[in-house]
Amino acid sequence: MATSKSGNKSVRQAGVKRVFNMRRLRTMKASIKQVADFVSNKDKKGAEALLPQAFKSIDKAAKRGILKKNTAARGKSKLTRDVAGVK
């Protein structure tokens, strides 16, 4: 526990930011998982339809600093490869 006033404020701010970050991370993982489910079921049209939504959530996470830029790019690339590999 922080002992100073500014330390207590910092703890409160970190808690608020954590809620937003965890929500954004949860939605990103959920959208990636939805695309992966369509890929595993060999449903290319469904996966392609959800791909922009997954890209949007990955980009938002990278923009806010939840993911590093290259990690986001690698994740988007992997999703694209997986969808393109569905026959």
PDB file of N, CA and C in Angstrom:
ATOM      1  N   MET A   1       0.838  -1.179   0.000  1.00  0.00           N
ATOM      2  CA  MET A   1       0.000   0.000   0.000  1.00  0.00           C
ATOM      3  C   MET A   1       0.882   1.241   0.000  1.00  0.00           C
ATOM      4  N   ALA A   2       0.473   2.209  -0.744  1.00  0.00           N
ATOM      5  CA  ALA A   2       1.234   3.454  -0.840  1.00  0.00           C
ATOM      6  C   ALA A   2       1.075   4.265   0.451  1.00  0.00           C
ATOM      7  N   THR A   3       2.110   5.056   0.777  1.00  0.00           N
ATOM      8  CA  THR A   3       2.059   5.845   2.005  1.00  0.00           C
ATOM      9  C   THR A   3       1.785   7.321   1.740  1.00  0.00           C
ATOM     10  N   SER A   4       2.077   7.789   0.544  1.00  0.00           N
ATOM     11  CA  SER A   4       1.868   9.207   0.250  1.00  0.00           C
ATOM     12  C   SER A   4       0.550   9.410  -0.492  1.00  0.00           C
ATOM     13  N   LYS A   5       0.121  10.646  -0.517  1.00  0.00           N
ATOM     14  CA  LYS A   5      -1.110  10.989  -1.222  1.00  0.00           C
ATOM     15  C   LYS A   5      -0.997  10.688  -2.709  1.00  0.00           C
ATOM     16  N   SER A   6       0.143  11.085  -3.286  1.00  0.00           N
ATOM     17  CA  SER A   6       0.337  10.856  -4.723  1.00  0.00           C
ATOM     18  C   SER A   6       0.461   9.362  -5.030  1.00  0.00           C
ATOM     19  N   GLY A   7       1.013   8.617  -4.092  1.00  0.00           N
ATOM     20  CA  GLY A   7       1.108   7.169  -4.282  1.00  0.00           C
ATOM     21  C   GLY A   7      -0.259   6.515  -4.285  1.00  0.00           C
ATOM     22  N   ASN A   8      -1.119   6.975  -3.370  1.00  0.00           N
ATOM     23  CA  ASN A   8      -2.486   6.438  -3.331  1.00  0.00           C
ATOM     24  C   ASN A   8      -3.245   6.765  -4.608  1.00  0.00           C
ATOM     25  N   LYS A   9      -3.045   7.979  -5.105  1.00  0.00           N
ATOM     26  CA  LYS A   9      -3.706   8.375  -6.345  1.00  0.00           C
ATOM     27  C   LYS A   9      -3.214   7.507  -7.500  1.00  0.00           C
ATOM     28  N   SER A  10      -1.918   7.237  -7.534  1.00  0.00           N
ATOM     29  CA  SER A  10      -1.331   6.408  -8.584  1.00  0.00           C
ATOM     30  C   SER A  10      -1.925   4.997  -8.563  1.00  0.00           C
ATOM     31  N   VAL A  11      -2.118   4.465  -7.364  1.00  0.00           N
ATOM     32  CA  VAL A  11      -2.724   3.135  -7.223  1.00  0.00           C
ATOM     33  C   VAL A  11      -4.149   3.141  -7.765  1.00  0.00           C
ATOM     34  N   ARG A  12      -4.914   4.198  -7.440  1.00  0.00           N
ATOM     35  CA  ARG A  12      -6.288   4.297  -7.945  1.00  0.00           C
ATOM     36  C   ARG A  12      -6.317   4.387  -9.463  1.00  0.00           C
ATOM     37  N   GLN A  13      -5.430   5.218 -10.026  1.00  0.00           N
ATOM     38  CA  GLN A  13      -5.390   5.390 -11.473  1.00  0.00           C
ATOM     39  C   GLN A  13      -5.026   4.080 -12.177  1.00  0.00           C
ATOM     40  N   ALA A  14      -4.073   3.357 -11.605  1.00  0.00           N
ATOM     41  CA  ALA A  14      -3.668   2.085 -12.200  1.00  0.00           C
ATOM     42  C   ALA A  14      -4.820   1.085 -12.188  1.00  0.00           C
ATOM     43  N   GLY A  15      -5.614   1.115 -11.123  1.00  0.00           N
ATOM     44  CA  GLY A  15      -6.765   0.211 -11.044  1.00  0.00           C
ATOM     45  C   GLY A  15      -7.800   0.512 -12.115  1.00  0.00           C
ATOM     46  N   VAL A  16      -8.042   1.793 -12.356  1.00  0.00           N
ATOM     47  CA  VAL A  16      -9.009   2.186 -13.381  1.00  0.00           C
ATOM     48  C   VAL A  16      -8.490   1.791 -14.762  1.00  0.00           C
ATOM     49  N   LYS A  17      -7.229   2.048 -15.030  1.00  0.00           N
ATOM     50  CA  LYS A  17      -6.649   1.702 -16.326  1.00  0.00           C
ATOM     51  C   LYS A  17      -6.659   0.198 -16.546  1.00  0.00           C
ATOM     52  N   ARG A  18      -6.442  -0.547 -15.474  1.00  0.00           N
ATOM     53  CA  ARG A  18      -6.413  -2.003 -15.583  1.00  0.00           C
ATOM     54  C   ARG A  18      -7.765  -2.540 -16.058  1.00  0.00           C
ATOM     55  N   VAL A  19      -8.848  -1.963 -15.571  1.00  0.00           N
ATOM     56  CA  VAL A  19     -10.185  -2.401 -15.977  1.00  0.00           C
ATOM     57  C   VAL A  19     -10.360  -2.230 -17.480  1.00  0.00           C
ATOM     58  N   PHE A  20      -9.969  -1.065 -18.002  1.00  0.00           N
ATOM     59  CA  PHE A  20     -10.115  -0.814 -19.427  1.00  0.00           C
ATOM     60  C   PHE A  20      -9.216  -1.736 -20.244  1.00  0.00           C
ATOM     61  N   ASN A  21      -7.979  -1.915 -19.765  1.00  0.00           N
ATOM     62  CA  ASN A  21      -7.030  -2.769 -20.490  1.00  0.00           C
ATOM     63  C   ASN A  21      -7.487  -4.221 -20.518  1.00  0.00           C
ATOM     64  N   MET A  22      -7.990  -4.713 -19.396  1.00  0.00           N
ATOM     65  CA  MET A  22      -8.443  -6.099 -19.348  1.00  0.00           C
ATOM     66  C   MET A  22      -9.671  -6.302 -20.233  1.00  0.00           C
ATOM     67  N   ARG A  23     -10.551  -5.305 -20.279  1.00  0.00           N
ATOM     68  CA  ARG A  23     -11.734  -5.406 -21.139  1.00  0.00           C
ATOM     69  C   ARG A  23     -11.319  -5.471 -22.607  1.00  0.00           C
ATOM     70  N   ARG A  24     -10.375  -4.605 -22.983  1.00  0.00           N
ATOM     71  CA  ARG A  24      -9.902  -4.577 -24.365  1.00  0.00           C
ATOM     72  C   ARG A  24      -9.189  -5.888 -24.727  1.00  0.00           C
ATOM     73  N   LEU A  25      -8.403  -6.406 -23.801  1.00  0.00           N
ATOM     74  CA  LEU A  25      -7.693  -7.660 -24.031  1.00  0.00           C
ATOM     75  C   LEU A  25      -8.676  -8.820 -24.165  1.00  0.00           C
ATOM     76  N   ARG A  26      -9.717  -8.821 -23.335  1.00  0.00           N
ATOM     77  CA  ARG A  26     -10.720  -9.884 -23.370  1.00  0.00           C
ATOM     78  C   ARG A  26     -11.476  -9.876 -24.702  1.00  0.00           C
ATOM     79  N   THR A  27     -11.853  -8.696 -25.189  1.00  0.00           N
ATOM     80  CA  THR A  27     -12.571  -8.637 -26.465  1.00  0.00           C
ATOM     81  C   THR A  27     -11.662  -9.045 -27.620  1.00  0.00           C
ATOM     82  N   MET A  28     -10.382  -8.689 -27.535  1.00  0.00           N
ATOM     83  CA  MET A  28      -9.431  -9.068 -28.579  1.00  0.00           C
ATOM     84  C   MET A  28      -9.287 -10.587 -28.643  1.00  0.00           C
ATOM     85  N   LYS A  29      -9.095 -11.207 -27.491  1.00  0.00           N
ATOM     86  CA  LYS A  29      -8.934 -12.661 -27.452  1.00  0.00           C
ATOM     87  C   LYS A  29     -10.206 -13.373 -27.924  1.00  0.00           C
ATOM     88  N   ALA A  30     -11.358 -12.829 -27.564  1.00  0.00           N
ATOM     89  CA  ALA A  30     -12.622 -13.437 -27.970  1.00  0.00           C
ATOM     90  C   ALA A  30     -12.795 -13.375 -29.486  1.00  0.00           C
ATOM     91  N   SER A  31     -12.453 -12.244 -30.096  1.00  0.00           N
ATOM     92  CA  SER A  31     -12.614 -12.123 -31.547  1.00  0.00           C
ATOM     93  C   SER A  31     -11.623 -13.026 -32.284  1.00  0.00           C
ATOM     94  N   ILE A  32     -10.409 -13.162 -31.751  1.00  0.00           N
ATOM     95  CA  ILE A  32      -9.422 -14.068 -32.360  1.00  0.00           C
ATOM     96  C   ILE A  32      -9.914 -15.504 -32.259  1.00  0.00           C
ATOM     97  N   LYS A  33     -10.488 -15.839 -31.120  1.00  0.00           N
ATOM     98  CA  LYS A  33     -10.987 -17.201 -30.908  1.00  0.00           C
ATOM     99  C   LYS A  33     -12.154 -17.513 -31.839  1.00  0.00           C
ATOM    100  N   GLN A  34     -13.010 -16.518 -32.111  1.00  0.00           N
ATOM    101  CA  GLN A  34     -14.125 -16.734 -33.027  1.00  0.00           C
ATOM    102  C   GLN A  34     -13.611 -17.050 -34.428  1.00  0.00           C
ATOM    103  N   VAL A  35     -12.619 -16.310 -34.877  1.00  0.00           N
ATOM    104  CA  VAL A  35     -12.036 -16.570 -36.198  1.00  0.00           C
ATOM    105  C   VAL A  35     -11.411 -17.957 -36.211  1.00  0.00           C
ATOM    106  N   ALA A  36     -10.703 -18.314 -35.144  1.00  0.00           N
ATOM    107  CA  ALA A  36     -10.060 -19.629 -35.069  1.00  0.00           C
ATOM    108  C   ALA A  36     -11.090 -20.759 -35.104  1.00  0.00           C
ATOM    109  N   ASP A  37     -12.254 -20.534 -34.483  1.00  0.00           N
ATOM    110  CA  ASP A  37     -13.308 -21.549 -34.508  1.00  0.00           C
ATOM    111  C   ASP A  37     -13.822 -21.764 -35.930  1.00  0.00           C
ATOM    112  N   PHE A  38     -14.017 -20.684 -36.673  1.00  0.00           N
ATOM    113  CA  PHE A  38     -14.459 -20.812 -38.059  1.00  0.00           C
ATOM    114  C   PHE A  38     -13.399 -21.515 -38.898  1.00  0.00           C
ATOM    115  N   VAL A  39     -12.138 -21.217 -38.645  1.00  0.00           N
ATOM    116  CA  VAL A  39     -11.046 -21.858 -39.391  1.00  0.00           C
ATOM    117  C   VAL A  39     -11.015 -23.348 -39.091  1.00  0.00           C
ATOM    118  N   SER A  40     -11.184 -23.726 -37.817  1.00  0.00           N
ATOM    119  CA  SER A  40     -11.145 -25.146 -37.465  1.00  0.00           C
ATOM    120  C   SER A  40     -12.344 -25.899 -38.029  1.00  0.00           C
ATOM    121  N   ASN A  41     -13.461 -25.191 -38.249  1.00  0.00           N
ATOM    122  CA  ASN A  41     -14.640 -25.813 -38.846  1.00  0.00           C
ATOM    123  C   ASN A  41     -14.636 -25.728 -40.365  1.00  0.00           C
ATOM    124  N   LYS A  42     -13.545 -25.222 -40.936  1.00  0.00           N
ATOM    125  CA  LYS A  42     -13.364 -25.113 -42.393  1.00  0.00           C
ATOM    126  C   LYS A  42     -14.403 -24.192 -43.036  1.00  0.00           C
ATOM    127  N   ASP A  43     -14.818 -23.160 -42.302  1.00  0.00           N
ATOM    128  CA  ASP A  43     -15.786 -22.196 -42.813  1.00  0.00           C
ATOM    129  C   ASP A  43     -15.048 -20.911 -43.183  1.00  0.00           C
ATOM    130  N   LYS A  44     -14.607 -20.842 -44.430  1.00  0.00           N
ATOM    131  CA  LYS A  44     -13.788 -19.709 -44.861  1.00  0.00           C
ATOM    132  C   LYS A  44     -14.596 -18.412 -44.922  1.00  0.00           C
ATOM    133  N   LYS A  45     -15.840 -18.489 -45.398  1.00  0.00           N
ATOM    134  CA  LYS A  45     -16.657 -17.273 -45.507  1.00  0.00           C
ATOM    135  C   LYS A  45     -16.911 -16.644 -44.142  1.00  0.00           C
ATOM    136  N   GLY A  46     -17.236 -17.462 -43.183  1.00  0.00           N
ATOM    137  CA  GLY A  46     -17.471 -16.956 -41.832  1.00  0.00           C
ATOM    138  C   GLY A  46     -16.223 -16.339 -41.227  1.00  0.00           C
ATOM    139  N   ALA A  47     -15.088 -16.987 -41.440  1.00  0.00           N
ATOM    140  CA  ALA A  47     -13.824 -16.468 -40.907  1.00  0.00           C
ATOM    141  C   ALA A  47     -13.462 -15.144 -41.565  1.00  0.00           C
ATOM    142  N   GLU A  48     -13.669 -15.061 -42.874  1.00  0.00           N
ATOM    143  CA  GLU A  48     -13.359 -13.816 -43.586  1.00  0.00           C
ATOM    144  C   GLU A  48     -14.276 -12.684 -43.136  1.00  0.00           C
ATOM    145  N   ALA A  49     -15.509 -13.024 -42.787  1.00  0.00           N
ATOM    146  CA  ALA A  49     -16.453 -12.007 -42.333  1.00  0.00           C
ATOM    147  C   ALA A  49     -16.037 -11.433 -40.974  1.00  0.00           C
ATOM    148  N   LEU A  50     -15.444 -12.267 -40.120  1.00  0.00           N
ATOM    149  CA  LEU A  50     -15.047 -11.816 -38.791  1.00  0.00           C
ATOM    150  C   LEU A  50     -13.631 -11.245 -38.742  1.00  0.00           C
ATOM    151  N   LEU A  51     -12.879 -11.406 -39.814  1.00  0.00           N
ATOM    152  CA  LEU A  51     -11.493 -10.948 -39.833  1.00  0.00           C
ATOM    153  C   LEU A  51     -11.358  -9.441 -39.584  1.00  0.00           C
ATOM    154  N   PRO A  52     -12.163  -8.570 -40.204  1.00  0.00           N
ATOM    155  CA  PRO A  52     -12.031  -7.127 -39.918  1.00  0.00           C
ATOM    156  C   PRO A  52     -12.290  -6.776 -38.456  1.00  0.00           C
ATOM    157  N   GLN A  53     -13.224  -7.480 -37.842  1.00  0.00           N
ATOM    158  CA  GLN A  53     -13.515  -7.233 -36.431  1.00  0.00           C
ATOM    159  C   GLN A  53     -12.316  -7.616 -35.565  1.00  0.00           C
ATOM    160  N   ALA A  54     -11.676  -8.737 -35.890  1.00  0.00           N
ATOM    161  CA  ALA A  54     -10.489  -9.169 -35.146  1.00  0.00           C
ATOM    162  C   ALA A  54      -9.339  -8.186 -35.348  1.00  0.00           C
ATOM    163  N   PHE A  55      -9.161  -7.727 -36.582  1.00  0.00           N
ATOM    164  CA  PHE A  55      -8.106  -6.745 -36.872  1.00  0.00           C
ATOM    165  C   PHE A  55      -8.337  -5.461 -36.081  1.00  0.00           C
ATOM    166  N   LYS A  56      -9.589  -5.030 -36.004  1.00  0.00           N
ATOM    167  CA  LYS A  56      -9.916  -3.803 -35.289  1.00  0.00           C
ATOM    168  C   LYS A  56      -9.559  -3.927 -33.807  1.00  0.00           C
ATOM    169  N   SER A  57      -9.905  -5.068 -33.222  1.00  0.00           N
ATOM    170  CA  SER A  57      -9.623  -5.238 -31.798  1.00  0.00           C
ATOM    171  C   SER A  57      -8.117  -5.357 -31.537  1.00  0.00           C
ATOM    172  N   ILE A  58      -7.383  -5.993 -32.451  1.00  0.00           N
ATOM    173  CA  ILE A  58      -5.926  -6.092 -32.302  1.00  0.00           C
ATOM    174  C   ILE A  58      -5.297  -4.714 -32.443  1.00  0.00           C
ATOM    175  N   ASP A  59      -5.757  -3.947 -33.425  1.00  0.00           N
ATOM    176  CA  ASP A  59      -5.215  -2.600 -33.633  1.00  0.00           C
ATOM    177  C   ASP A  59      -5.481  -1.685 -32.437  1.00  0.00           C
ATOM    178  N   LYS A  60      -6.665  -1.792 -31.859  1.00  0.00           N
ATOM    179  CA  LYS A  60      -6.986  -0.972 -30.692  1.00  0.00           C
ATOM    180  C   LYS A  60      -6.099  -1.336 -29.511  1.00  0.00           C
ATOM    181  N   ALA A  61      -5.847  -2.630 -29.338  1.00  0.00           N
ATOM    182  CA  ALA A  61      -4.971  -3.064 -28.240  1.00  0.00           C
ATOM    183  C   ALA A  61      -3.551  -2.543 -28.449  1.00  0.00           C
ATOM    184  N   ALA A  62      -3.086  -2.550 -29.686  1.00  0.00           N
ATOM    185  CA  ALA A  62      -1.744  -2.046 -29.974  1.00  0.00           C
ATOM    186  C   ALA A  62      -1.679  -0.530 -29.796  1.00  0.00           C
ATOM    187  N   LYS A  63      -2.732   0.152 -30.193  1.00  0.00           N
ATOM    188  CA  LYS A  63      -2.771   1.604 -30.077  1.00  0.00           C
ATOM    189  C   LYS A  63      -2.704   2.047 -28.619  1.00  0.00           C
ATOM    190  N   ARG A  64      -3.349   1.311 -27.757  1.00  0.00           N
ATOM    191  CA  ARG A  64      -3.404   1.664 -26.344  1.00  0.00           C
ATOM    192  C   ARG A  64      -2.237   1.099 -25.532  1.00  0.00           C
ATOM    193  N   GLY A  65      -1.336   0.360 -26.180  1.00  0.00           N
ATOM    194  CA  GLY A  65      -0.157  -0.126 -25.481  1.00  0.00           C
ATOM    195  C   GLY A  65      -0.346  -1.447 -24.767  1.00  0.00           C
ATOM    196  N   ILE A  66      -1.434  -2.134 -25.038  1.00  0.00           N
ATOM    197  CA  ILE A  66      -1.655  -3.440 -24.429  1.00  0.00           C
ATOM    198  C   ILE A  66      -0.786  -4.480 -25.131  1.00  0.00           C
ATOM    199  N   LEU A  67      -0.644  -4.324 -26.435  1.00  0.00           N
ATOM    200  CA  LEU A  67       0.262  -5.155 -27.237  1.00  0.00           C
ATOM    201  C   LEU A  67       1.318  -4.255 -27.859  1.00  0.00           C
ATOM    202  N   LYS A  68       2.482  -4.829 -28.105  1.00  0.00           N
ATOM    203  CA  LYS A  68       3.483  -4.092 -28.865  1.00  0.00           C
ATOM    204  C   LYS A  68       3.084  -4.117 -30.335  1.00  0.00           C
ATOM    205  N   LYS A  69       3.612  -3.168 -31.082  1.00  0.00           N
ATOM    206  CA  LYS A  69       3.221  -3.010 -32.480  1.00  0.00           C
ATOM    207  C   LYS A  69       3.543  -4.258 -33.306  1.00  0.00           C
ATOM    208  N   ASN A  70       4.729  -4.797 -33.124  1.00  0.00           N
ATOM    209  CA  ASN A  70       5.125  -5.970 -33.905  1.00  0.00           C
ATOM    210  C   ASN A  70       4.352  -7.216 -33.498  1.00  0.00           C
ATOM    211  N   THR A  71       4.000  -7.320 -32.230  1.00  0.00           N
ATOM    212  CA  THR A  71       3.187  -8.445 -31.773  1.00  0.00           C
ATOM    213  C   THR A  71       1.812  -8.394 -32.428  1.00  0.00           C
ATOM    214  N   ALA A  72       1.248  -7.198 -32.528  1.00  0.00           N
ATOM    215  CA  ALA A  72      -0.053  -7.035 -33.184  1.00  0.00           C
ATOM    216  C   ALA A  72       0.056  -7.404 -34.657  1.00  0.00           C
ATOM    217  N   ALA A  73       1.112  -6.952 -35.319  1.00  0.00           N
ATOM    218  CA  ALA A  73       1.289  -7.259 -36.739  1.00  0.00           C
ATOM    219  C   ALA A  73       1.451  -8.765 -36.950  1.00  0.00           C
ATOM    220  N   ARG A  74       2.188  -9.403 -36.059  1.00  0.00           N
ATOM    221  CA  ARG A  74       2.394 -10.846 -36.170  1.00  0.00           C
ATOM    222  C   ARG A  74       1.077 -11.599 -35.973  1.00  0.00           C
ATOM    223  N   GLY A  75       0.267 -11.142 -35.027  1.00  0.00           N
ATOM    224  CA  GLY A  75      -1.027 -11.777 -34.782  1.00  0.00           C
ATOM    225  C   GLY A  75      -1.966 -11.629 -35.969  1.00  0.00           C
ATOM    226  N   LYS A  76      -1.983 -10.447 -36.563  1.00  0.00           N
ATOM    227  CA  LYS A  76      -2.828 -10.226 -37.740  1.00  0.00           C
ATOM    228  C   LYS A  76      -2.355 -11.079 -38.907  1.00  0.00           C
ATOM    229  N   SER A  77      -1.049 -11.180 -39.072  1.00  0.00           N
ATOM    230  CA  SER A  77      -0.489 -11.992 -40.146  1.00  0.00           C
ATOM    231  C   SER A  77      -0.857 -13.462 -39.967  1.00  0.00           C
ATOM    232  N   LYS A  78      -0.767 -13.944 -38.740  1.00  0.00           N
ATOM    233  CA  LYS A  78      -1.098 -15.338 -38.463  1.00  0.00           C
ATOM    234  C   LYS A  78      -2.575 -15.620 -38.743  1.00  0.00           C
ATOM    235  N   LEU A  79      -3.451 -14.701 -38.341  1.00  0.00           N
ATOM    236  CA  LEU A  79      -4.871 -14.880 -38.624  1.00  0.00           C
ATOM    237  C   LEU A  79      -5.130 -14.931 -40.123  1.00  0.00           C
ATOM    238  N   THR A  80      -4.482 -14.037 -40.870  1.00  0.00           N
ATOM    239  CA  THR A  80      -4.660 -13.991 -42.319  1.00  0.00           C
ATOM    240  C   THR A  80      -4.190 -15.292 -42.961  1.00  0.00           C
ATOM    241  N   ARG A  81      -3.036 -15.795 -42.504  1.00  0.00           N
ATOM    242  CA  ARG A  81      -2.515 -17.065 -43.043  1.00  0.00           C
ATOM    243  C   ARG A  81      -3.463 -18.219 -42.740  1.00  0.00           C
ATOM    244  N   ASP A  82      -3.989 -18.238 -41.522  1.00  0.00           N
ATOM    245  CA  ASP A  82      -4.899 -19.321 -41.130  1.00  0.00           C
ATOM    246  C   ASP A  82      -6.163 -19.305 -41.991  1.00  0.00           C
ATOM    247  N   VAL A  83      -6.719 -18.117 -42.205  1.00  0.00           N
ATOM    248  CA  VAL A  83      -7.937 -18.003 -43.014  1.00  0.00           C
ATOM    249  C   VAL A  83      -7.651 -18.370 -44.467  1.00  0.00           C
ATOM    250  N   ALA A  84      -6.511 -17.928 -44.974  1.00  0.00           N
ATOM    251  CA  ALA A  84      -6.172 -18.227 -46.369  1.00  0.00           C
ATOM    252  C   ALA A  84      -5.903 -19.718 -46.567  1.00  0.00           C
ATOM    253  N   GLY A  85      -5.492 -20.409 -45.529  1.00  0.00           N
ATOM    254  CA  GLY A  85      -5.193 -21.834 -45.637  1.00  0.00           C
ATOM    255  C   GLY A  85      -6.407 -22.741 -45.626  1.00  0.00           C
ATOM    256  N   VAL A  86      -7.570 -22.178 -45.327  1.00  0.00           N
ATOM    257  CA  VAL A  86      -8.803 -22.988 -45.290  1.00  0.00           C
ATOM    258  C   VAL A  86      -9.210 -23.307 -46.719  1.00  0.00           C
ATOM    259  N   LYS A  87      -9.525 -24.555 -46.952  1.00  0.00           N
ATOM    260  CA  LYS A  87      -9.910 -24.969 -48.311  1.00  0.00           C
ATOM    261  C   LYS A  87     -11.398 -25.161 -48.409  1.00  0.00           C
TER     262      LYS A  87
END
